[in-house]
Amino acid sequence: MVHPLALLLWVAAGLSVFAGTEVLAVAIVVVIAVNAIFASVQEQQAERAVEALASYLPTRPRRSATDTGRSSTPTTSYPGTS
């Protein structure tokens, strides 16, 4: 995915070349490259964090959605109930 700021920097680099300031254009392209490196490293770290968190999740649910954990027949009778 291309970030809007990176697109803006590419436009700025192009305009710098058009204006005749190639040194500025090179500096902007270097900033784009450094930003891309940091973004990819951050994305890899985020993927590893998600995988680590996923290992804490159970592989299957403990109860089904219809199971309330209570039996359908009462095991204790109370006064006044038949």
PDB file of N, CA and C in Angstrom:
ATOM      1  N   MET A   1       0.853  -1.182   0.000  1.00  0.00           N
ATOM      2  CA  MET A   1       0.000   0.000   0.000  1.00  0.00           C
ATOM      3  C   MET A   1       0.891   1.234   0.000  1.00  0.00           C
ATOM      4  N   VAL A   2       0.539   2.177  -0.813  1.00  0.00           N
ATOM      5  CA  VAL A   2       1.311   3.402  -0.919  1.00  0.00           C
ATOM      6  C   VAL A   2       0.666   4.448  -0.010  1.00  0.00           C
ATOM      7  N   HIS A   3       1.482   5.049   0.824  1.00  0.00           N
ATOM      8  CA  HIS A   3       0.977   6.051   1.754  1.00  0.00           C
ATOM      9  C   HIS A   3       0.881   7.406   1.056  1.00  0.00           C
ATOM     10  N   PRO A   4      -0.116   8.197   1.418  1.00  0.00           N
ATOM     11  CA  PRO A   4      -0.273   9.516   0.787  1.00  0.00           C
ATOM     12  C   PRO A   4       0.946  10.412   0.966  1.00  0.00           C
ATOM     13  N   LEU A   5       1.609  10.330   2.111  1.00  0.00           N
ATOM     14  CA  LEU A   5       2.797  11.159   2.319  1.00  0.00           C
ATOM     15  C   LEU A   5       3.913  10.770   1.355  1.00  0.00           C
ATOM     16  N   ALA A   6       4.065   9.462   1.101  1.00  0.00           N
ATOM     17  CA  ALA A   6       5.083   9.014   0.154  1.00  0.00           C
ATOM     18  C   ALA A   6       4.763   9.528  -1.253  1.00  0.00           C
ATOM     19  N   LEU A   7       3.493   9.499  -1.622  1.00  0.00           N
ATOM     20  CA  LEU A   7       3.110  10.048  -2.930  1.00  0.00           C
ATOM     21  C   LEU A   7       3.426  11.535  -3.011  1.00  0.00           C
ATOM     22  N   LEU A   8       3.156  12.245  -1.944  1.00  0.00           N
ATOM     23  CA  LEU A   8       3.454  13.672  -1.919  1.00  0.00           C
ATOM     24  C   LEU A   8       4.959  13.924  -2.042  1.00  0.00           C
ATOM     25  N   LEU A   9       5.747  13.076  -1.393  1.00  0.00           N
ATOM     26  CA  LEU A   9       7.200  13.215  -1.504  1.00  0.00           C
ATOM     27  C   LEU A   9       7.691  12.909  -2.915  1.00  0.00           C
ATOM     28  N   TRP A  10       7.084  11.919  -3.586  1.00  0.00           N
ATOM     29  CA  TRP A  10       7.459  11.641  -4.976  1.00  0.00           C
ATOM     30  C   TRP A  10       7.145  12.844  -5.870  1.00  0.00           C
ATOM     31  N   VAL A  11       6.005  13.479  -5.644  1.00  0.00           N
ATOM     32  CA  VAL A  11       5.655  14.680  -6.417  1.00  0.00           C
ATOM     33  C   VAL A  11       6.669  15.787  -6.131  1.00  0.00           C
ATOM     34  N   ALA A  12       7.040  15.933  -4.859  1.00  0.00           N
ATOM     35  CA  ALA A  12       8.032  16.955  -4.508  1.00  0.00           C
ATOM     36  C   ALA A  12       9.376  16.675  -5.167  1.00  0.00           C
ATOM     37  N   ALA A  13       9.772  15.405  -5.224  1.00  0.00           N
ATOM     38  CA  ALA A  13      11.033  15.064  -5.893  1.00  0.00           C
ATOM     39  C   ALA A  13      10.962  15.390  -7.376  1.00  0.00           C
ATOM     40  N   GLY A  14       9.842  15.072  -7.992  1.00  0.00           N
ATOM     41  CA  GLY A  14       9.677  15.399  -9.416  1.00  0.00           C
ATOM     42  C   GLY A  14       9.711  16.892  -9.666  1.00  0.00           C
ATOM     43  N   LEU A  15       9.049  17.642  -8.819  1.00  0.00           N
ATOM     44  CA  LEU A  15       9.068  19.091  -8.974  1.00  0.00           C
ATOM     45  C   LEU A  15      10.465  19.664  -8.728  1.00  0.00           C
ATOM     46  N   SER A  16      11.209  19.040  -7.835  1.00  0.00           N
ATOM     47  CA  SER A  16      12.576  19.496  -7.580  1.00  0.00           C
ATOM     48  C   SER A  16      13.462  19.288  -8.801  1.00  0.00           C
ATOM     49  N   VAL A  17      13.292  18.151  -9.470  1.00  0.00           N
ATOM     50  CA  VAL A  17      14.058  17.903 -10.693  1.00  0.00           C
ATOM     51  C   VAL A  17      13.650  18.916 -11.758  1.00  0.00           C
ATOM     52  N   PHE A  18      12.355  19.175 -11.863  1.00  0.00           N
ATOM     53  CA  PHE A  18      11.849  20.136 -12.851  1.00  0.00           C
ATOM     54  C   PHE A  18      12.388  21.540 -12.571  1.00  0.00           C
ATOM     55  N   ALA A  19      12.542  21.870 -11.280  1.00  0.00           N
ATOM     56  CA  ALA A  19      13.029  23.194 -10.904  1.00  0.00           C
ATOM     57  C   ALA A  19      14.546  23.312 -11.006  1.00  0.00           C
ATOM     58  N   GLY A  20      15.214  22.173 -11.240  1.00  0.00           N
ATOM     59  CA  GLY A  20      16.662  22.227 -11.409  1.00  0.00           C
ATOM     60  C   GLY A  20      17.443  22.009 -10.121  1.00  0.00           C
ATOM     61  N   THR A  21      16.792  21.567  -9.063  1.00  0.00           N
ATOM     62  CA  THR A  21      17.498  21.311  -7.799  1.00  0.00           C
ATOM     63  C   THR A  21      17.586  19.804  -7.589  1.00  0.00           C
ATOM     64  N   GLU A  22      18.521  19.201  -8.344  1.00  0.00           N
ATOM     65  CA  GLU A  22      18.656  17.749  -8.309  1.00  0.00           C
ATOM     66  C   GLU A  22      19.118  17.242  -6.949  1.00  0.00           C
ATOM     67  N   VAL A  23      19.906  18.031  -6.240  1.00  0.00           N
ATOM     68  CA  VAL A  23      20.385  17.614  -4.918  1.00  0.00           C
ATOM     69  C   VAL A  23      19.195  17.453  -3.974  1.00  0.00           C
ATOM     70  N   LEU A  24      18.278  18.377  -4.031  1.00  0.00           N
ATOM     71  CA  LEU A  24      17.071  18.282  -3.204  1.00  0.00           C
ATOM     72  C   LEU A  24      16.234  17.070  -3.603  1.00  0.00           C
ATOM     73  N   ALA A  25      16.145  16.804  -4.888  1.00  0.00           N
ATOM     74  CA  ALA A  25      15.390  15.647  -5.365  1.00  0.00           C
ATOM     75  C   ALA A  25      16.002  14.350  -4.849  1.00  0.00           C
ATOM     76  N   VAL A  26      17.330  14.266  -4.877  1.00  0.00           N
ATOM     77  CA  VAL A  26      18.008  13.071  -4.361  1.00  0.00           C
ATOM     78  C   VAL A  26      17.753  12.928  -2.871  1.00  0.00           C
ATOM     79  N   ALA A  27      17.803  14.033  -2.135  1.00  0.00           N
ATOM     80  CA  ALA A  27      17.547  13.989  -0.693  1.00  0.00           C
ATOM     81  C   ALA A  27      16.126  13.515  -0.407  1.00  0.00           C
ATOM     82  N   ILE A  28      15.177  13.955  -1.187  1.00  0.00           N
ATOM     83  CA  ILE A  28      13.782  13.537  -0.995  1.00  0.00           C
ATOM     84  C   ILE A  28      13.634  12.046  -1.295  1.00  0.00           C
ATOM     85  N   VAL A  29      14.288  11.565  -2.345  1.00  0.00           N
ATOM     86  CA  VAL A  29      14.218  10.139  -2.679  1.00  0.00           C
ATOM     87  C   VAL A  29      14.862   9.305  -1.574  1.00  0.00           C
ATOM     88  N   VAL A  30      15.946   9.795  -0.983  1.00  0.00           N
ATOM     89  CA  VAL A  30      16.574   9.089   0.142  1.00  0.00           C
ATOM     90  C   VAL A  30      15.603   9.017   1.321  1.00  0.00           C
ATOM     91  N   VAL A  31      14.892  10.100   1.590  1.00  0.00           N
ATOM     92  CA  VAL A  31      13.900  10.096   2.668  1.00  0.00           C
ATOM     93  C   VAL A  31      12.803   9.081   2.367  1.00  0.00           C
ATOM     94  N   ILE A  32      12.375   8.983   1.122  1.00  0.00           N
ATOM     95  CA  ILE A  32      11.352   8.005   0.740  1.00  0.00           C
ATOM     96  C   ILE A  32      11.871   6.585   0.986  1.00  0.00           C
ATOM     97  N   ALA A  33      13.124   6.340   0.620  1.00  0.00           N
ATOM     98  CA  ALA A  33      13.700   5.004   0.798  1.00  0.00           C
ATOM     99  C   ALA A  33      13.831   4.644   2.277  1.00  0.00           C
ATOM    100  N   VAL A  34      14.293   5.581   3.085  1.00  0.00           N
ATOM    101  CA  VAL A  34      14.423   5.326   4.526  1.00  0.00           C
ATOM    102  C   VAL A  34      13.052   5.076   5.142  1.00  0.00           C
ATOM    103  N   ASN A  35      12.063   5.843   4.730  1.00  0.00           N
ATOM    104  CA  ASN A  35      10.703   5.653   5.218  1.00  0.00           C
ATOM    105  C   ASN A  35      10.179   4.271   4.837  1.00  0.00           C
ATOM    106  N   ALA A  36      10.461   3.819   3.630  1.00  0.00           N
ATOM    107  CA  ALA A  36      10.015   2.502   3.188  1.00  0.00           C
ATOM    108  C   ALA A  36      10.674   1.394   4.001  1.00  0.00           C
ATOM    109  N   ILE A  37      11.950   1.570   4.314  1.00  0.00           N
ATOM    110  CA  ILE A  37      12.663   0.567   5.127  1.00  0.00           C
ATOM    111  C   ILE A  37      12.050   0.491   6.517  1.00  0.00           C
ATOM    112  N   PHE A  38      11.841   1.650   7.143  1.00  0.00           N
ATOM    113  CA  PHE A  38      11.242   1.658   8.477  1.00  0.00           C
ATOM    114  C   PHE A  38       9.834   1.067   8.462  1.00  0.00           C
ATOM    115  N   ALA A  39       9.062   1.366   7.435  1.00  0.00           N
ATOM    116  CA  ALA A  39       7.691   0.844   7.351  1.00  0.00           C
ATOM    117  C   ALA A  39       7.687  -0.670   7.213  1.00  0.00           C
ATOM    118  N   SER A  40       8.609  -1.215   6.416  1.00  0.00           N
ATOM    119  CA  SER A  40       8.633  -2.669   6.248  1.00  0.00           C
ATOM    120  C   SER A  40       9.101  -3.367   7.520  1.00  0.00           C
ATOM    121  N   VAL A  41      10.064  -2.772   8.222  1.00  0.00           N
ATOM    122  CA  VAL A  41      10.514  -3.352   9.496  1.00  0.00           C
ATOM    123  C   VAL A  41       9.380  -3.323  10.513  1.00  0.00           C
ATOM    124  N   GLN A  42       8.674  -2.228  10.575  1.00  0.00           N
ATOM    125  CA  GLN A  42       7.559  -2.103  11.508  1.00  0.00           C
ATOM    126  C   GLN A  42       6.452  -3.102  11.171  1.00  0.00           C
ATOM    127  N   GLU A  43       6.194  -3.314   9.894  1.00  0.00           N
ATOM    128  CA  GLU A  43       5.166  -4.273   9.486  1.00  0.00           C
ATOM    129  C   GLU A  43       5.566  -5.697   9.876  1.00  0.00           C
ATOM    130  N   GLN A  44       6.836  -6.043   9.715  1.00  0.00           N
ATOM    131  CA  GLN A  44       7.305  -7.375  10.115  1.00  0.00           C
ATOM    132  C   GLN A  44       7.172  -7.569  11.621  1.00  0.00           C
ATOM    133  N   GLN A  45       7.495  -6.541  12.395  1.00  0.00           N
ATOM    134  CA  GLN A  45       7.355  -6.637  13.844  1.00  0.00           C
ATOM    135  C   GLN A  45       5.890  -6.785  14.236  1.00  0.00           C
ATOM    136  N   ALA A  46       5.009  -6.089  13.562  1.00  0.00           N
ATOM    137  CA  ALA A  46       3.580  -6.193  13.853  1.00  0.00           C
ATOM    138  C   ALA A  46       3.066  -7.588  13.522  1.00  0.00           C
ATOM    139  N   GLU A  47       3.524  -8.171  12.424  1.00  0.00           N
ATOM    140  CA  GLU A  47       3.098  -9.526  12.064  1.00  0.00           C
ATOM    141  C   GLU A  47       3.572 -10.536  13.110  1.00  0.00           C
ATOM    142  N   ARG A  48       4.808 -10.367  13.589  1.00  0.00           N
ATOM    143  CA  ARG A  48       5.309 -11.271  14.638  1.00  0.00           C
ATOM    144  C   ARG A  48       4.529 -11.108  15.930  1.00  0.00           C
ATOM    145  N   ALA A  49       4.141  -9.884  16.248  1.00  0.00           N
ATOM    146  CA  ALA A  49       3.354  -9.645  17.461  1.00  0.00           C
ATOM    147  C   ALA A  49       1.977 -10.293  17.351  1.00  0.00           C
ATOM    148  N   VAL A  50       1.363 -10.214  16.192  1.00  0.00           N
ATOM    149  CA  VAL A  50       0.053 -10.850  15.989  1.00  0.00           C
ATOM    150  C   VAL A  50       0.185 -12.362  16.103  1.00  0.00           C
ATOM    151  N   GLU A  51       1.226 -12.932  15.546  1.00  0.00           N
ATOM    152  CA  GLU A  51       1.435 -14.377  15.648  1.00  0.00           C
ATOM    153  C   GLU A  51       1.652 -14.793  17.103  1.00  0.00           C
ATOM    154  N   ALA A  52       2.399 -13.981  17.855  1.00  0.00           N
ATOM    155  CA  ALA A  52       2.632 -14.299  19.267  1.00  0.00           C
ATOM    156  C   ALA A  52       1.342 -14.217  20.064  1.00  0.00           C
ATOM    157  N   LEU A  53       0.525 -13.220  19.774  1.00  0.00           N
ATOM    158  CA  LEU A  53      -0.751 -13.106  20.470  1.00  0.00           C
ATOM    159  C   LEU A  53      -1.705 -14.229  20.080  1.00  0.00           C
ATOM    160  N   ALA A  54      -1.641 -14.661  18.839  1.00  0.00           N
ATOM    161  CA  ALA A  54      -2.509 -15.750  18.392  1.00  0.00           C
ATOM    162  C   ALA A  54      -2.180 -17.047  19.105  1.00  0.00           C
ATOM    163  N   SER A  55      -0.953 -17.212  19.554  1.00  0.00           N
ATOM    164  CA  SER A  55      -0.591 -18.440  20.263  1.00  0.00           C
ATOM    165  C   SER A  55      -1.268 -18.517  21.628  1.00  0.00           C
ATOM    166  N   TYR A  56      -1.722 -17.391  22.156  1.00  0.00           N
ATOM    167  CA  TYR A  56      -2.428 -17.388  23.432  1.00  0.00           C
ATOM    168  C   TYR A  56      -3.900 -17.779  23.293  1.00  0.00           C
ATOM    169  N   LEU A  57      -4.426 -17.723  22.092  1.00  0.00           N
ATOM    170  CA  LEU A  57      -5.830 -18.059  21.882  1.00  0.00           C
ATOM    171  C   LEU A  57      -6.021 -19.566  21.918  1.00  0.00           C
ATOM    172  N   PRO A  58      -7.162 -20.008  22.437  1.00  0.00           N
ATOM    173  CA  PRO A  58      -7.414 -21.453  22.427  1.00  0.00           C
ATOM    174  C   PRO A  58      -7.652 -21.938  21.004  1.00  0.00           C
ATOM    175  N   THR A  59      -7.297 -23.195  20.765  1.00  0.00           N
ATOM    176  CA  THR A  59      -7.487 -23.739  19.421  1.00  0.00           C
ATOM    177  C   THR A  59      -8.945 -24.070  19.158  1.00  0.00           C
ATOM    178  N   ARG A  60      -9.702 -24.345  20.209  1.00  0.00           N
ATOM    179  CA  ARG A  60     -11.138 -24.592  20.042  1.00  0.00           C
ATOM    180  C   ARG A  60     -11.853 -24.004  21.252  1.00  0.00           C
ATOM    181  N   PRO A  61     -13.112 -23.675  21.100  1.00  0.00           N
ATOM    182  CA  PRO A  61     -13.834 -23.068  22.221  1.00  0.00           C
ATOM    183  C   PRO A  61     -14.071 -24.075  23.341  1.00  0.00           C
ATOM    184  N   ARG A  62     -14.131 -23.573  24.555  1.00  0.00           N
ATOM    185  CA  ARG A  62     -14.373 -24.444  25.705  1.00  0.00           C
ATOM    186  C   ARG A  62     -15.818 -24.906  25.757  1.00  0.00           C
ATOM    187  N   ARG A  63     -16.725 -24.065  25.362  1.00  0.00           N
ATOM    188  CA  ARG A  63     -18.151 -24.391  25.356  1.00  0.00           C
ATOM    189  C   ARG A  63     -18.738 -24.011  24.001  1.00  0.00           C
ATOM    190  N   SER A  64     -19.829 -24.629  23.694  1.00  0.00           N
ATOM    191  CA  SER A  64     -20.511 -24.242  22.464  1.00  0.00           C
ATOM    192  C   SER A  64     -21.351 -23.002  22.745  1.00  0.00           C
ATOM    193  N   ALA A  65     -21.845 -22.397  21.705  1.00  0.00           N
ATOM    194  CA  ALA A  65     -22.630 -21.177  21.861  1.00  0.00           C
ATOM    195  C   ALA A  65     -23.948 -21.452  22.581  1.00  0.00           C
ATOM    196  N   THR A  66     -24.481 -22.660  22.467  1.00  0.00           N
ATOM    197  CA  THR A  66     -25.759 -22.975  23.111  1.00  0.00           C
ATOM    198  C   THR A  66     -25.574 -23.506  24.520  1.00  0.00           C
ATOM    199  N   ASP A  67     -24.370 -23.858  24.892  1.00  0.00           N
ATOM    200  CA  ASP A  67     -24.109 -24.400  26.225  1.00  0.00           C
ATOM    201  C   ASP A  67     -23.951 -23.252  27.209  1.00  0.00           C
ATOM    202  N   THR A  68     -24.803 -23.222  28.230  1.00  0.00           N
ATOM    203  CA  THR A  68     -24.720 -22.169  29.232  1.00  0.00           C
ATOM    204  C   THR A  68     -23.922 -22.604  30.436  1.00  0.00           C
ATOM    205  N   GLY A  69     -23.529 -23.868  30.482  1.00  0.00           N
ATOM    206  CA  GLY A  69     -22.788 -24.369  31.621  1.00  0.00           C
ATOM    207  C   GLY A  69     -23.685 -24.867  32.730  1.00  0.00           C
ATOM    208  N   ARG A  70     -24.998 -24.774  32.527  1.00  0.00           N
ATOM    209  CA  ARG A  70     -25.960 -25.226  33.526  1.00  0.00           C
ATOM    210  C   ARG A  70     -26.705 -26.431  32.985  1.00  0.00           C
ATOM    211  N   SER A  71     -27.072 -27.310  33.868  1.00  0.00           N
ATOM    212  CA  SER A  71     -27.856 -28.458  33.409  1.00  0.00           C
ATOM    213  C   SER A  71     -29.300 -28.027  33.202  1.00  0.00           C
ATOM    214  N   SER A  72     -30.016 -28.730  32.350  1.00  0.00           N
ATOM    215  CA  SER A  72     -31.391 -28.359  32.049  1.00  0.00           C
ATOM    216  C   SER A  72     -32.352 -28.828  33.127  1.00  0.00           C
ATOM    217  N   THR A  73     -31.943 -29.804  33.929  1.00  0.00           N
ATOM    218  CA  THR A  73     -32.799 -30.274  35.014  1.00  0.00           C
ATOM    219  C   THR A  73     -32.195 -29.812  36.332  1.00  0.00           C
ATOM    220  N   PRO A  74     -33.043 -29.251  37.203  1.00  0.00           N
ATOM    221  CA  PRO A  74     -32.498 -28.768  38.470  1.00  0.00           C
ATOM    222  C   PRO A  74     -32.044 -29.928  39.347  1.00  0.00           C
ATOM    223  N   THR A  75     -30.930 -29.719  40.006  1.00  0.00           N
ATOM    224  CA  THR A  75     -30.410 -30.782  40.881  1.00  0.00           C
ATOM    225  C   THR A  75     -30.809 -30.535  42.339  1.00  0.00           C
ATOM    226  N   THR A  76     -31.253 -29.340  42.632  1.00  0.00           N
ATOM    227  CA  THR A  76     -31.658 -29.008  43.996  1.00  0.00           C
ATOM    228  C   THR A  76     -33.119 -28.583  43.984  1.00  0.00           C
ATOM    229  N   SER A  77     -33.916 -29.083  44.941  1.00  0.00           N
ATOM    230  CA  SER A  77     -35.293 -28.642  45.037  1.00  0.00           C
ATOM    231  C   SER A  77     -35.396 -27.618  46.147  1.00  0.00           C
ATOM    232  N   TYR A  78     -36.189 -26.626  45.901  1.00  0.00           N
ATOM    233  CA  TYR A  78     -36.374 -25.547  46.862  1.00  0.00           C
ATOM    234  C   TYR A  78     -37.774 -25.634  47.448  1.00  0.00           C
ATOM    235  N   PRO A  79     -37.975 -25.110  48.650  1.00  0.00           N
ATOM    236  CA  PRO A  79     -39.315 -25.147  49.261  1.00  0.00           C
ATOM    237  C   PRO A  79     -40.323 -24.418  48.377  1.00  0.00           C
ATOM    238  N   GLY A  80     -41.471 -25.010  48.222  1.00  0.00           N
ATOM    239  CA  GLY A  80     -42.525 -24.405  47.432  1.00  0.00           C
ATOM    240  C   GLY A  80     -42.495 -24.788  45.971  1.00  0.00           C
ATOM    241  N   THR A  81     -41.472 -25.549  45.550  1.00  0.00           N
ATOM    242  CA  THR A  81     -41.422 -26.024  44.168  1.00  0.00           C
ATOM    243  C   THR A  81     -41.754 -27.502  44.139  1.00  0.00           C
ATOM    244  N   SER A  82     -42.330 -27.952  43.066  1.00  0.00           N
ATOM    245  CA  SER A  82     -42.651 -29.380  43.019  1.00  0.00           C
ATOM    246  C   SER A  82     -41.683 -30.139  42.172  1.00  0.00           C
TER     247      SER A  82
END
